């Protein structure tokens, strides 16, 4: 899975990302909800972030017996989140470009 240093850097980056998400989320979510655009990808990302936060906490604090399964869930959720994040971002850029024309 990786050395201790890589996992520690990943954990610190996740904590910083959670802080950034918490500071941006109320405004971004409210604006996105009112605009009625990209609800599926936006709420999909939110759902996968919740899965990542929960599985990350279980990896750190959870019982040893479920660790292997949680590792798989965390990896899959992370990859799917990244794909949805890219789709959400690229689709938004395409909409802005088409509106500018």
C-alpha atoms as a PDB file:
ATOM      1  CA  UNK A   1       0.000   0.000   0.000  1.00  0.00           C
ATOM      2  CA  UNK A   2       2.914   2.363   0.455  1.00  0.00           C
ATOM      3  CA  UNK A   3       5.478   3.473   2.914  1.00  0.00           C
ATOM      4  CA  UNK A   4       4.605   5.212   6.147  1.00  0.00           C
ATOM      5  CA  UNK A   5       5.760   8.567   4.759  1.00  0.00           C
ATOM      6  CA  UNK A   6       3.464   8.351   1.735  1.00  0.00           C
ATOM      7  CA  UNK A   7       0.501   7.390   3.914  1.00  0.00           C
ATOM      8  CA  UNK A   8       1.304  10.219   6.353  1.00  0.00           C
ATOM      9  CA  UNK A   9       1.490  12.757   3.505  1.00  0.00           C
ATOM     10  CA  UNK A  10      -1.788  11.385   2.133  1.00  0.00           C
ATOM     11  CA  UNK A  11      -3.418  11.771   5.569  1.00  0.00           C
ATOM     12  CA  UNK A  12      -2.219  15.349   6.025  1.00  0.00           C
ATOM     13  CA  UNK A  13      -3.337  16.241   2.480  1.00  0.00           C
ATOM     14  CA  UNK A  14      -6.757  14.698   3.217  1.00  0.00           C
ATOM     15  CA  UNK A  15      -7.076  16.786   6.383  1.00  0.00           C
ATOM     16  CA  UNK A  16      -6.200  19.969   4.486  1.00  0.00           C
ATOM     17  CA  UNK A  17      -8.615  19.062   1.688  1.00  0.00           C
ATOM     18  CA  UNK A  18     -11.351  18.490   4.281  1.00  0.00           C
ATOM     19  CA  UNK A  19     -10.702  21.938   5.762  1.00  0.00           C
ATOM     20  CA  UNK A  20     -10.809  23.513   2.300  1.00  0.00           C
ATOM     21  CA  UNK A  21     -13.997  21.633   1.458  1.00  0.00           C
ATOM     22  CA  UNK A  22     -15.625  22.774   4.675  1.00  0.00           C
ATOM     23  CA  UNK A  23     -14.833  26.405   3.956  1.00  0.00           C
ATOM     24  CA  UNK A  24     -16.048  26.328   0.331  1.00  0.00           C
ATOM     25  CA  UNK A  25     -18.915  23.844   0.550  1.00  0.00           C
ATOM     26  CA  UNK A  26     -21.682  26.078   1.949  1.00  0.00           C
ATOM     27  CA  UNK A  27     -21.291  28.670  -0.805  1.00  0.00           C
ATOM     28  CA  UNK A  28     -20.565  26.319  -3.709  1.00  0.00           C
ATOM     29  CA  UNK A  29     -23.335  23.892  -2.772  1.00  0.00           C
ATOM     30  CA  UNK A  30     -25.892  26.674  -2.365  1.00  0.00           C
ATOM     31  CA  UNK A  31     -24.973  28.249  -5.719  1.00  0.00           C
ATOM     32  CA  UNK A  32     -25.008  24.890  -7.502  1.00  0.00           C
ATOM     33  CA  UNK A  33     -28.334  23.929  -5.960  1.00  0.00           C
ATOM     34  CA  UNK A  34     -29.937  27.221  -7.018  1.00  0.00           C
ATOM     35  CA  UNK A  35     -28.543  27.023 -10.573  1.00  0.00           C
ATOM     36  CA  UNK A  36     -29.866  23.462 -11.001  1.00  0.00           C
ATOM     37  CA  UNK A  37     -26.767  22.520 -13.007  1.00  0.00           C
ATOM     38  CA  UNK A  38     -24.538  19.493 -12.522  1.00  0.00           C
ATOM     39  CA  UNK A  39     -26.512  18.124  -9.591  1.00  0.00           C
ATOM     40  CA  UNK A  40     -25.587  14.518 -10.326  1.00  0.00           C
ATOM     41  CA  UNK A  41     -21.847  15.078 -10.443  1.00  0.00           C
ATOM     42  CA  UNK A  42     -21.922  17.596  -7.586  1.00  0.00           C
ATOM     43  CA  UNK A  43     -23.914  15.462  -5.178  1.00  0.00           C
ATOM     44  CA  UNK A  44     -22.047  12.394  -6.426  1.00  0.00           C
ATOM     45  CA  UNK A  45     -18.790  14.016  -5.365  1.00  0.00           C
ATOM     46  CA  UNK A  46     -20.274  14.910  -1.999  1.00  0.00           C
ATOM     47  CA  UNK A  47     -21.381  11.316  -1.471  1.00  0.00           C
ATOM     48  CA  UNK A  48     -17.969   9.932  -2.370  1.00  0.00           C
ATOM     49  CA  UNK A  49     -16.244  12.460  -0.098  1.00  0.00           C
ATOM     50  CA  UNK A  50     -18.406  11.190   2.757  1.00  0.00           C
ATOM     51  CA  UNK A  51     -17.424   7.608   1.895  1.00  0.00           C
ATOM     52  CA  UNK A  52     -13.751   8.627   1.777  1.00  0.00           C
ATOM     53  CA  UNK A  53     -13.956  10.434   5.119  1.00  0.00           C
ATOM     54  CA  UNK A  54     -15.725   7.507   6.762  1.00  0.00           C
ATOM     55  CA  UNK A  55     -13.423   4.863   5.314  1.00  0.00           C
ATOM     56  CA  UNK A  56     -10.365   6.984   6.162  1.00  0.00           C
ATOM     57  CA  UNK A  57     -11.523   7.230   9.770  1.00  0.00           C
ATOM     58  CA  UNK A  58     -12.144   3.473   9.839  1.00  0.00           C
ATOM     59  CA  UNK A  59      -8.669   2.817   8.481  1.00  0.00           C
ATOM     60  CA  UNK A  60      -7.169   4.919  11.239  1.00  0.00           C
ATOM     61  CA  UNK A  61      -9.453   4.100  14.168  1.00  0.00           C
ATOM     62  CA  UNK A  62     -11.432   1.019  13.095  1.00  0.00           C
ATOM     63  CA  UNK A  63     -11.041  -2.609  14.093  1.00  0.00           C
ATOM     64  CA  UNK A  64      -8.356  -4.688  12.423  1.00  0.00           C
ATOM     65  CA  UNK A  65     -10.869  -7.286  11.222  1.00  0.00           C
ATOM     66  CA  UNK A  66     -12.451  -4.967   8.647  1.00  0.00           C
ATOM     67  CA  UNK A  67      -9.270  -3.227   7.510  1.00  0.00           C
ATOM     68  CA  UNK A  68      -8.734  -5.144   4.241  1.00  0.00           C
ATOM     69  CA  UNK A  69     -12.275  -4.517   3.056  1.00  0.00           C
ATOM     70  CA  UNK A  70     -12.115  -0.856   4.038  1.00  0.00           C
ATOM     71  CA  UNK A  71      -8.853  -0.458   2.106  1.00  0.00           C
ATOM     72  CA  UNK A  72     -10.602  -1.706  -1.047  1.00  0.00           C
ATOM     73  CA  UNK A  73     -13.607   0.577  -0.490  1.00  0.00           C
ATOM     74  CA  UNK A  74     -11.310   3.555   0.119  1.00  0.00           C
ATOM     75  CA  UNK A  75      -9.303   2.924  -3.064  1.00  0.00           C
ATOM     76  CA  UNK A  76     -12.382   2.432  -5.241  1.00  0.00           C
ATOM     77  CA  UNK A  77     -14.168   5.456  -3.761  1.00  0.00           C
ATOM     78  CA  UNK A  78     -11.055   7.583  -4.289  1.00  0.00           C
ATOM     79  CA  UNK A  79     -10.723   6.596  -7.936  1.00  0.00           C
ATOM     80  CA  UNK A  80     -14.425   7.113  -8.645  1.00  0.00           C
ATOM     81  CA  UNK A  81     -14.363  10.462  -6.817  1.00  0.00           C
ATOM     82  CA  UNK A  82     -11.421  11.610  -8.932  1.00  0.00           C
ATOM     83  CA  UNK A  83     -13.220  10.612 -12.147  1.00  0.00           C
ATOM     84  CA  UNK A  84     -16.396  12.443 -11.108  1.00  0.00           C
ATOM     85  CA  UNK A  85     -14.322  15.458 -10.038  1.00  0.00           C
ATOM     86  CA  UNK A  86     -12.674  15.635 -13.467  1.00  0.00           C
ATOM     87  CA  UNK A  87     -16.014  15.213 -15.243  1.00  0.00           C
ATOM     88  CA  UNK A  88     -17.620  17.909 -13.054  1.00  0.00           C
ATOM     89  CA  UNK A  89     -14.751  20.327 -13.709  1.00  0.00           C
ATOM     90  CA  UNK A  90     -14.334  19.669 -17.452  1.00  0.00           C
ATOM     91  CA  UNK A  91     -18.083  19.749 -18.090  1.00  0.00           C
ATOM     92  CA  UNK A  92     -18.279  23.102 -16.290  1.00  0.00           C
ATOM     93  CA  UNK A  93     -15.430  24.490 -18.422  1.00  0.00           C
ATOM     94  CA  UNK A  94     -17.197  23.311 -21.602  1.00  0.00           C
ATOM     95  CA  UNK A  95     -20.419  25.018 -20.522  1.00  0.00           C
ATOM     96  CA  UNK A  96     -18.587  28.279 -19.853  1.00  0.00           C
ATOM     97  CA  UNK A  97     -16.804  28.123 -23.218  1.00  0.00           C
ATOM     98  CA  UNK A  98     -20.056  27.440 -25.094  1.00  0.00           C
ATOM     99  CA  UNK A  99     -21.819  30.292 -23.248  1.00  0.00           C
ATOM    100  CA  UNK A 100     -19.024  32.713 -24.142  1.00  0.00           C
ATOM    101  CA  UNK A 101     -19.470  32.085 -27.893  1.00  0.00           C
END
